[in-house]
Each structure stands twice: as C-alpha cells, then as structure tokens.
C-alpha cells in the first residue's frame, strides 16, 4: 500500500495493519500531517500546547501519538 510504504499511515500495532478499522479524527490528522511533512517535505506551523484546550475541548483525551499532528 502506497501510504504505508511512504510512512503516511502506520499499523494499529507493531505487527497489525487494519485498513477496514475505524478511523478517528486524530488518525486523519496524523495521516494529513505525515503526508504534509514527510511526503511533501513541508514544515508545519505549530500552535502552543497551552492553547490547545481552547481549540479542542477534548485535548486531554488526545493520545500522545496524535498531539503533534493536531498542534
């Protein structure tokens, strides 16, 4: 799969890839961020982490792997 080969998507674990699984908002953001930074080679502008709860009311529930992409 092109997205996996180009590091745009990762598996649901170290040994599992689930293309039919549910995709959450944070997962879409990670894929878009990876495409923008890794494939296009662009630098992403980051919002200060202290401002994130005002943007996403559920910021405290965002898993660590997605925080950079959402910022």
Protein backbone atom coordinates (compact mmCIF):
# COMPACT_ATOMS: atom_id res chain seq x y z
CA UNK A 1 0.00 0.00 0.00
CA UNK A 2 1.41 3.37 -1.05
CA UNK A 3 0.53 5.16 2.19
CA UNK A 4 2.28 2.55 4.33
CA UNK A 5 5.33 2.44 2.06
CA UNK A 6 5.65 6.25 2.29
CA UNK A 7 5.18 6.39 6.08
CA UNK A 8 1.85 8.21 5.84
CA UNK A 9 -0.05 5.55 7.81
CA UNK A 10 1.10 3.14 10.49
CA UNK A 11 -0.39 -0.07 11.77
CA UNK A 12 -2.74 -0.35 14.71
CA UNK A 13 0.17 -2.08 16.49
CA UNK A 14 3.74 -3.07 15.65
CA UNK A 15 2.51 -6.18 13.81
CA UNK A 16 -1.05 -5.32 12.75
CA UNK A 17 -2.43 -3.16 9.95
CA UNK A 18 -6.23 -2.77 9.91
CA UNK A 19 -7.37 -0.93 6.73
CA UNK A 20 -11.03 -1.70 7.47
CA UNK A 21 -10.85 -0.40 11.06
CA UNK A 22 -12.49 2.73 12.40
CA UNK A 23 -10.60 5.98 11.75
CA UNK A 24 -10.88 8.73 14.35
CA UNK A 25 -10.35 12.47 13.92
CA UNK A 26 -6.88 12.27 15.41
CA UNK A 27 -5.93 9.47 12.99
CA UNK A 28 -6.96 11.58 9.99
CA UNK A 29 -4.92 14.49 11.37
CA UNK A 30 -1.87 12.24 11.79
CA UNK A 31 -2.19 10.99 8.19
CA UNK A 32 -2.53 14.54 6.84
CA UNK A 33 0.39 15.73 8.97
CA UNK A 34 2.57 12.81 7.81
CA UNK A 35 1.71 13.48 4.17
CA UNK A 36 2.45 17.19 4.52
CA UNK A 37 5.73 16.81 6.42
CA UNK A 38 7.14 13.50 5.18
CA UNK A 39 5.93 13.22 1.59
CA UNK A 40 5.74 16.89 0.62
CA UNK A 41 8.67 17.81 2.89
CA UNK A 42 6.96 20.91 4.27
CA UNK A 43 7.30 22.29 7.79
CA UNK A 44 4.09 22.50 9.78
CA UNK A 45 3.25 25.55 11.88
CA UNK A 46 2.59 24.57 15.49
CA UNK A 47 0.14 26.07 17.96
CA UNK A 48 1.38 26.39 21.53
CA UNK A 49 0.26 23.37 23.53
CA UNK A 50 -1.15 25.64 26.25
CA UNK A 51 -3.68 26.98 23.70
CA UNK A 52 -4.92 23.57 22.58
CA UNK A 53 -7.67 23.06 25.21
CA UNK A 54 -9.35 26.21 23.84
CA UNK A 55 -9.29 24.76 20.32
CA UNK A 56 -10.19 21.14 21.16
CA UNK A 57 -12.34 20.72 24.26
CA UNK A 58 -11.24 17.07 24.42
CA UNK A 59 -7.49 17.86 24.17
CA UNK A 60 -6.82 15.98 27.42
CA UNK A 61 -8.09 12.77 25.78
CA UNK A 62 -5.89 13.02 22.67
CA UNK A 63 -3.31 10.21 22.70
CA UNK A 64 0.36 11.16 22.64
CA UNK A 65 0.97 9.86 19.11
CA UNK A 66 -1.50 12.40 17.69
CA UNK A 67 -0.67 15.54 19.69
CA UNK A 68 2.00 16.89 17.33
CA UNK A 69 -0.26 16.41 14.31
CA UNK A 70 -3.15 18.20 15.99
CA UNK A 71 -1.00 21.13 17.06
